[in-house]
Structure formats: C-alpha cells, structure tokens
Amino acid sequence: MSARTVTSLAALGAAALLAAGCGGGSHRSVPGASASHGKQLIEYYGCGACHAISNVTPHGTVGPSLVGYSSNRQIAGTLPNTTDNLIHWIERPQQIAPHTTMPNLGIGPKGARDIAAYLYAH
C-alpha cells in the first residue's frame, strides 16, 4: 500500500469518526425535540444554579460545565454520551448514579428530549 493510500484511508477514518459524533465540537440532533423549549425548561428548573450553560444565567460552578456539551465523551463519568443515555440521565440521574448530587427533578421524557436538544446544540 502506498503512503498516499494510507494517508487517504486515515483521513477517511477521521472523517467517519467526526460524522459519528466522536470528534470534538460535533452537534447532535434529537429528532422530535425542541431546543428552544429545552432552554425554557433549563431556566424553569434552575439548572444554571449548578451548571454553566451557554446563554443561560446564572453560571453555577457546583456541577460540571455544560458549555459545548456535545463534545463530552461521557455522562457523569460513567455512561457513553449518547442521546438515549443523556435523556435517561436528565430524567433519573439518581437511578444511574445513586450518590450523585444531581437531583431527580421530575422531568419527563419530552422535557428531557428538549433539554438534551438544547445541550447538544450549544
């Protein structure tokens, strides 16, 4: 195999990883969700009291920053950052990590999808 072929294959592999959402800064869509409603819910539930979130005030420091969230590889340091895992985490964080300081806020599936859409978009 020539050096040019190896370089081309490496570039294709890197492009495939980026397209799959494994690269930094990739934005993910959440089908059927409303990112603008997600922002409203983030403000309603007061998520900014603990987290720094793009275009949301206040910018808390108790929890991890959620700015540029789509580039995170894990949720709560344990789960792969997939749409389904994030939605589950938003709905029931205590079920996933019983000792987390993230409270169960009673957010339902539609609200969790909308919040996930906002986080992935910002």
N, C-alpha and C. Protein backbone atom coordinates (compact mmCIF):
# COMPACT_ATOMS: atom_id res chain seq x y z
N MET A 1 0.85 -1.16 0.00
CA MET A 1 0.00 0.00 0.00
C MET A 1 0.90 1.23 0.00
N SER A 2 0.57 2.21 -0.84
CA SER A 2 1.41 3.40 -0.92
C SER A 2 1.14 4.33 0.26
N ALA A 3 2.06 5.24 0.50
CA ALA A 3 1.91 6.22 1.58
C ALA A 3 0.69 7.11 1.32
N ARG A 4 0.43 7.38 0.05
CA ARG A 4 -0.73 8.21 -0.30
C ARG A 4 -2.03 7.49 0.05
N THR A 5 -2.10 6.19 -0.20
CA THR A 5 -3.29 5.41 0.12
C THR A 5 -3.51 5.37 1.63
N VAL A 6 -2.43 5.16 2.39
CA VAL A 6 -2.53 5.13 3.85
C VAL A 6 -3.03 6.47 4.37
N THR A 7 -2.50 7.57 3.83
CA THR A 7 -2.93 8.91 4.25
C THR A 7 -4.40 9.12 3.92
N SER A 8 -4.83 8.68 2.74
CA SER A 8 -6.23 8.83 2.35
C SER A 8 -7.14 8.01 3.25
N LEU A 9 -6.73 6.80 3.59
CA LEU A 9 -7.53 5.96 4.48
C LEU A 9 -7.61 6.57 5.88
N ALA A 10 -6.52 7.13 6.35
CA ALA A 10 -6.53 7.78 7.67
C ALA A 10 -7.48 8.97 7.67
N ALA A 11 -7.47 9.74 6.60
CA ALA A 11 -8.37 10.90 6.50
C ALA A 11 -9.82 10.45 6.46
N LEU A 12 -10.11 9.37 5.74
CA LEU A 12 -11.47 8.84 5.69
C LEU A 12 -11.90 8.35 7.07
N GLY A 13 -11.01 7.70 7.78
CA GLY A 13 -11.33 7.22 9.13
C GLY A 13 -11.63 8.36 10.07
N ALA A 14 -10.83 9.42 10.00
CA ALA A 14 -11.06 10.59 10.86
C ALA A 14 -12.38 11.24 10.52
N ALA A 15 -12.70 11.34 9.24
CA ALA A 15 -13.98 11.92 8.83
C ALA A 15 -15.15 11.07 9.32
N ALA A 16 -15.01 9.76 9.28
CA ALA A 16 -16.07 8.88 9.77
C ALA A 16 -16.29 9.06 11.27
N LEU A 17 -15.21 9.20 12.02
CA LEU A 17 -15.35 9.42 13.47
C LEU A 17 -16.04 10.74 13.76
N LEU A 18 -15.69 11.77 13.03
CA LEU A 18 -16.34 13.07 13.24
C LEU A 18 -17.81 12.98 12.89
N ALA A 19 -18.13 12.32 11.80
CA ALA A 19 -19.53 12.19 11.39
C ALA A 19 -20.33 11.38 12.41
N ALA A 20 -19.69 10.46 13.09
CA ALA A 20 -20.36 9.62 14.09
C ALA A 20 -20.50 10.32 15.43
N GLY A 21 -19.96 11.52 15.54
CA GLY A 21 -20.10 12.26 16.80
C GLY A 21 -19.01 11.97 17.80
N CYS A 22 -17.92 11.38 17.37
CA CYS A 22 -16.83 11.06 18.29
C CYS A 22 -15.82 12.18 18.37
N GLY A 23 -15.87 13.12 17.46
CA GLY A 23 -14.91 14.21 17.47
C GLY A 23 -15.41 15.37 18.30
N GLY A 24 -14.51 16.26 18.66
CA GLY A 24 -14.87 17.41 19.46
C GLY A 24 -15.74 18.38 18.68
N GLY A 25 -16.69 19.02 19.37
CA GLY A 25 -17.47 20.09 18.80
C GLY A 25 -18.58 19.65 17.87
N SER A 26 -18.84 18.37 17.73
CA SER A 26 -19.90 17.93 16.85
C SER A 26 -21.25 18.20 17.51
N HIS A 27 -22.20 18.65 16.71
CA HIS A 27 -23.53 18.89 17.23
C HIS A 27 -24.41 17.70 16.86
N ARG A 28 -25.24 17.30 17.79
CA ARG A 28 -26.12 16.16 17.55
C ARG A 28 -27.55 16.65 17.50
N SER A 29 -28.34 16.03 16.67
CA SER A 29 -29.75 16.40 16.65
C SER A 29 -30.51 15.38 17.49
N VAL A 30 -31.62 15.84 18.04
CA VAL A 30 -32.51 14.97 18.82
C VAL A 30 -33.85 15.02 18.10
N PRO A 31 -34.14 14.02 17.28
CA PRO A 31 -35.38 14.05 16.49
C PRO A 31 -36.62 14.25 17.37
N GLY A 32 -37.50 15.12 16.91
CA GLY A 32 -38.75 15.36 17.62
C GLY A 32 -38.61 16.26 18.83
N ALA A 33 -37.45 16.87 19.03
CA ALA A 33 -37.22 17.71 20.21
C ALA A 33 -37.12 19.17 19.80
N SER A 34 -37.38 20.04 20.77
CA SER A 34 -37.30 21.48 20.56
C SER A 34 -36.22 22.06 21.48
N ALA A 35 -35.11 22.49 20.87
CA ALA A 35 -34.03 23.08 21.66
C ALA A 35 -34.48 24.36 22.35
N SER A 36 -35.33 25.15 21.69
CA SER A 36 -35.79 26.39 22.33
C SER A 36 -36.65 26.10 23.55
N HIS A 37 -37.48 25.07 23.47
CA HIS A 37 -38.25 24.67 24.66
C HIS A 37 -37.32 24.09 25.72
N GLY A 38 -36.27 23.41 25.28
CA GLY A 38 -35.28 22.88 26.22
C GLY A 38 -34.64 24.00 27.03
N LYS A 39 -34.34 25.13 26.38
CA LYS A 39 -33.76 26.26 27.11
C LYS A 39 -34.75 26.79 28.14
N GLN A 40 -36.02 26.88 27.76
CA GLN A 40 -37.05 27.32 28.71
C GLN A 40 -37.11 26.40 29.92
N LEU A 41 -37.02 25.09 29.68
CA LEU A 41 -37.05 24.13 30.79
C LEU A 41 -35.80 24.24 31.66
N ILE A 42 -34.66 24.44 31.04
CA ILE A 42 -33.41 24.62 31.78
C ILE A 42 -33.54 25.82 32.72
N GLU A 43 -34.13 26.89 32.22
CA GLU A 43 -34.35 28.08 33.06
C GLU A 43 -35.40 27.81 34.13
N TYR A 44 -36.48 27.12 33.77
CA TYR A 44 -37.54 26.81 34.73
C TYR A 44 -37.03 25.96 35.90
N TYR A 45 -36.26 24.92 35.57
CA TYR A 45 -35.75 24.03 36.61
C TYR A 45 -34.53 24.59 37.34
N GLY A 46 -34.00 25.70 36.88
CA GLY A 46 -32.88 26.34 37.55
C GLY A 46 -31.56 25.62 37.38
N CYS A 47 -31.37 24.97 36.25
CA CYS A 47 -30.16 24.20 36.01
C CYS A 47 -28.89 25.07 36.09
N GLY A 48 -29.03 26.35 35.73
CA GLY A 48 -27.90 27.26 35.77
C GLY A 48 -27.41 27.56 37.18
N ALA A 49 -28.20 27.22 38.19
CA ALA A 49 -27.74 27.42 39.57
C ALA A 49 -26.55 26.53 39.89
N CYS A 50 -26.47 25.39 39.23
CA CYS A 50 -25.38 24.45 39.48
C CYS A 50 -24.41 24.34 38.30
N HIS A 51 -24.88 24.56 37.09
CA HIS A 51 -24.08 24.34 35.88
C HIS A 51 -23.90 25.63 35.09
N ALA A 52 -22.74 25.77 34.45
CA ALA A 52 -22.56 26.80 33.42
C ALA A 52 -23.15 26.23 32.14
N ILE A 53 -24.09 26.96 31.54
CA ILE A 53 -24.78 26.51 30.33
C ILE A 53 -24.81 27.69 29.37
N SER A 54 -24.49 27.46 28.12
CA SER A 54 -24.48 28.53 27.12
C SER A 54 -25.79 29.29 27.09
N ASN A 55 -25.68 30.62 27.14
CA ASN A 55 -26.83 31.53 27.03
C ASN A 55 -27.85 31.38 28.15
N VAL A 56 -27.43 30.85 29.28
CA VAL A 56 -28.29 30.69 30.45
C VAL A 56 -27.59 31.31 31.65
N THR A 57 -28.31 32.11 32.43
CA THR A 57 -27.75 32.65 33.66
C THR A 57 -28.62 32.18 34.81
N PRO A 58 -28.07 32.01 35.99
CA PRO A 58 -26.67 32.21 36.35
C PRO A 58 -25.78 31.11 35.79
N HIS A 59 -24.48 31.23 36.04
CA HIS A 59 -23.49 30.22 35.62
C HIS A 59 -22.94 29.56 36.88
N GLY A 60 -23.60 28.51 37.32
CA GLY A 60 -23.16 27.82 38.53
C GLY A 60 -21.86 27.08 38.34
N THR A 61 -21.24 26.76 39.48
CA THR A 61 -19.97 26.03 39.45
C THR A 61 -20.01 24.77 40.31
N VAL A 62 -21.17 24.45 40.87
CA VAL A 62 -21.29 23.24 41.71
C VAL A 62 -21.19 21.99 40.84
N GLY A 63 -21.90 21.99 39.73
CA GLY A 63 -21.87 20.86 38.80
C GLY A 63 -20.93 21.18 37.65
N PRO A 64 -20.68 20.21 36.80
CA PRO A 64 -19.77 20.44 35.67
C PRO A 64 -20.36 21.43 34.66
N SER A 65 -19.47 22.10 33.95
CA SER A 65 -19.92 22.99 32.89
C SER A 65 -20.57 22.16 31.79
N LEU A 66 -21.67 22.68 31.25
CA LEU A 66 -22.36 22.02 30.16
C LEU A 66 -22.20 22.78 28.86
N VAL A 67 -21.29 23.75 28.85
CA VAL A 67 -20.98 24.52 27.63
C VAL A 67 -20.26 23.58 26.67
N GLY A 68 -20.70 23.55 25.43
CA GLY A 68 -20.08 22.66 24.44
C GLY A 68 -20.31 21.20 24.76
N TYR A 69 -21.45 20.89 25.33
CA TYR A 69 -21.73 19.55 25.85
C TYR A 69 -21.59 18.44 24.81
N SER A 70 -21.90 18.74 23.57
CA SER A 70 -21.87 17.68 22.56
C SER A 70 -20.49 17.05 22.38
N SER A 71 -19.44 17.76 22.80
CA SER A 71 -18.09 17.19 22.65
C SER A 71 -17.69 16.31 23.84
N ASN A 72 -18.52 16.27 24.88
CA ASN A 72 -18.22 15.37 26.01
C ASN A 72 -18.34 13.92 25.57
N ARG A 73 -17.45 13.10 26.06
CA ARG A 73 -17.48 11.68 25.70
C ARG A 73 -18.32 10.86 26.68
N GLN A 74 -18.49 11.36 27.90
CA GLN A 74 -19.22 10.60 28.91
C GLN A 74 -20.23 11.47 29.64
N ILE A 75 -21.21 10.81 30.20
CA ILE A 75 -22.21 11.44 31.07
C ILE A 75 -21.92 10.95 32.48
N ALA A 76 -21.76 11.89 33.38
CA ALA A 76 -21.49 11.57 34.79
C ALA A 76 -20.26 10.68 34.97
N GLY A 77 -19.36 10.74 34.00
CA GLY A 77 -18.13 9.97 34.10
C GLY A 77 -18.29 8.47 33.96
N THR A 78 -19.49 8.01 33.60
CA THR A 78 -19.71 6.57 33.52
C THR A 78 -20.38 6.09 32.24
N LEU A 79 -21.29 6.88 31.68
CA LEU A 79 -22.05 6.44 30.51
C LEU A 79 -21.52 7.08 29.23
N PRO A 80 -21.53 6.35 28.12
CA PRO A 80 -21.19 6.99 26.86
C PRO A 80 -22.20 8.11 26.57
N ASN A 81 -21.73 9.22 26.02
CA ASN A 81 -22.60 10.35 25.73
C ASN A 81 -23.40 10.08 24.46
N THR A 82 -24.53 9.39 24.65
CA THR A 82 -25.47 9.15 23.56
C THR A 82 -26.76 9.89 23.90
N THR A 83 -27.57 10.11 22.90
CA THR A 83 -28.84 10.79 23.11
C THR A 83 -29.69 10.04 24.13
N ASP A 84 -29.84 8.74 23.97
CA ASP A 84 -30.67 7.96 24.89
C ASP A 84 -30.13 8.03 26.32
N ASN A 85 -28.82 7.92 26.47
CA ASN A 85 -28.24 7.98 27.82
C ASN A 85 -28.44 9.35 28.46
N LEU A 86 -28.29 10.42 27.66
CA LEU A 86 -28.47 11.76 28.22
C LEU A 86 -29.92 11.97 28.64
N ILE A 87 -30.85 11.54 27.82
CA ILE A 87 -32.27 11.68 28.18
C ILE A 87 -32.56 10.92 29.46
N HIS A 88 -32.07 9.70 29.57
CA HIS A 88 -32.26 8.90 30.79
C HIS A 88 -31.65 9.60 31.99
N TRP A 89 -30.43 10.15 31.82
CA TRP A 89 -29.76 10.86 32.91
C TRP A 89 -30.58 12.06 33.38
N ILE A 90 -31.09 12.84 32.43
CA ILE A 90 -31.88 14.02 32.79
C ILE A 90 -33.14 13.61 33.54
N GLU A 91 -33.77 12.52 33.12
CA GLU A 91 -34.99 12.06 33.78
C GLU A 91 -34.73 11.47 35.17
N ARG A 92 -33.69 10.64 35.29
CA ARG A 92 -33.47 9.89 36.53
C ARG A 92 -32.00 9.75 36.88
N PRO A 93 -31.32 10.83 37.20
CA PRO A 93 -29.89 10.73 37.50
C PRO A 93 -29.59 9.84 38.71
N GLN A 94 -30.45 9.87 39.71
CA GLN A 94 -30.22 9.07 40.92
C GLN A 94 -30.32 7.57 40.63
N GLN A 95 -31.06 7.19 39.62
CA GLN A 95 -31.15 5.78 39.23
C GLN A 95 -29.83 5.30 38.62
N ILE A 96 -29.17 6.19 37.90
CA ILE A 96 -27.91 5.84 37.25
C ILE A 96 -26.75 5.92 38.22
N ALA A 97 -26.71 6.97 39.01
CA ALA A 97 -25.61 7.19 39.96
C ALA A 97 -26.23 7.61 41.30
N PRO A 98 -26.56 6.65 42.16
CA PRO A 98 -27.28 6.95 43.41
C PRO A 98 -26.62 7.99 44.31
N HIS A 99 -25.34 8.20 44.21
CA HIS A 99 -24.67 9.14 45.11
C HIS A 99 -24.38 10.48 44.44
N THR A 100 -24.91 10.69 43.24
CA THR A 100 -24.69 11.96 42.56
C THR A 100 -25.41 13.09 43.28
N THR A 101 -24.89 14.29 43.16
CA THR A 101 -25.57 15.44 43.74
C THR A 101 -26.65 15.97 42.79
N MET A 102 -26.70 15.45 41.59
CA MET A 102 -27.74 15.84 40.63
C MET A 102 -29.06 15.25 41.12
N PRO A 103 -30.04 16.12 41.40
CA PRO A 103 -31.32 15.62 41.92
C PRO A 103 -32.25 15.12 40.82
N ASN A 104 -33.15 14.23 41.20
CA ASN A 104 -34.26 13.88 40.31
C ASN A 104 -35.23 15.05 40.37
N LEU A 105 -35.45 15.71 39.25
CA LEU A 105 -36.30 16.90 39.22
C LEU A 105 -37.71 16.62 38.72
N GLY A 106 -38.00 15.39 38.35
CA GLY A 106 -39.32 15.06 37.84
C GLY A 106 -39.52 15.47 36.39
N ILE A 107 -38.44 15.56 35.67
CA ILE A 107 -38.52 15.92 34.25
C ILE A 107 -38.95 14.68 33.46
N GLY A 108 -39.98 14.82 32.66
CA GLY A 108 -40.49 13.70 31.87
C GLY A 108 -39.73 13.50 30.58
N PRO A 109 -40.11 12.48 29.81
CA PRO A 109 -39.39 12.13 28.58
C PRO A 109 -39.33 13.26 27.55
N LYS A 110 -40.44 13.95 27.31
CA LYS A 110 -40.44 15.03 26.31
C LYS A 110 -39.56 16.17 26.77
N GLY A 111 -39.67 16.56 28.02
CA GLY A 111 -38.83 17.63 28.55
C GLY A 111 -37.35 17.26 28.50
N ALA A 112 -37.04 16.01 28.83
CA ALA A 112 -35.65 15.54 28.80
C ALA A 112 -35.10 15.58 27.37
N ARG A 113 -35.93 15.22 26.40
CA ARG A 113 -35.51 15.27 24.99
C ARG A 113 -35.21 16.71 24.59
N ASP A 114 -36.09 17.64 25.00
CA ASP A 114 -35.90 19.04 24.65
C ASP A 114 -34.64 19.61 25.30
N ILE A 115 -34.41 19.27 26.57
CA ILE A 115 -33.19 19.73 27.25
C ILE A 115 -31.96 19.15 26.57
N ALA A 116 -32.00 17.87 26.22
CA ALA A 116 -30.88 17.24 25.51
C ALA A 116 -30.63 17.96 24.18
N ALA A 117 -31.68 18.31 23.47
CA ALA A 117 -31.52 19.01 22.19
C ALA A 117 -30.82 20.35 22.40
N TYR A 118 -31.18 21.07 23.47
CA TYR A 118 -30.52 22.33 23.73
C TYR A 118 -29.04 22.13 24.07
N LEU A 119 -28.77 21.17 24.95
CA LEU A 119 -27.38 20.93 25.35
C LEU A 119 -26.51 20.52 24.17
N TYR A 120 -27.04 19.67 23.30
CA TYR A 120 -26.27 19.23 22.14
C TYR A 120 -26.06 20.36 21.14
N ALA A 121 -26.98 21.32 21.09
CA ALA A 121 -26.87 22.41 20.13
C ALA A 121 -25.98 23.55 20.62
N HIS A 122 -25.70 23.59 21.92
CA HIS A 122 -24.93 24.71 22.46
C HIS A 122 -23.74 24.20 23.22
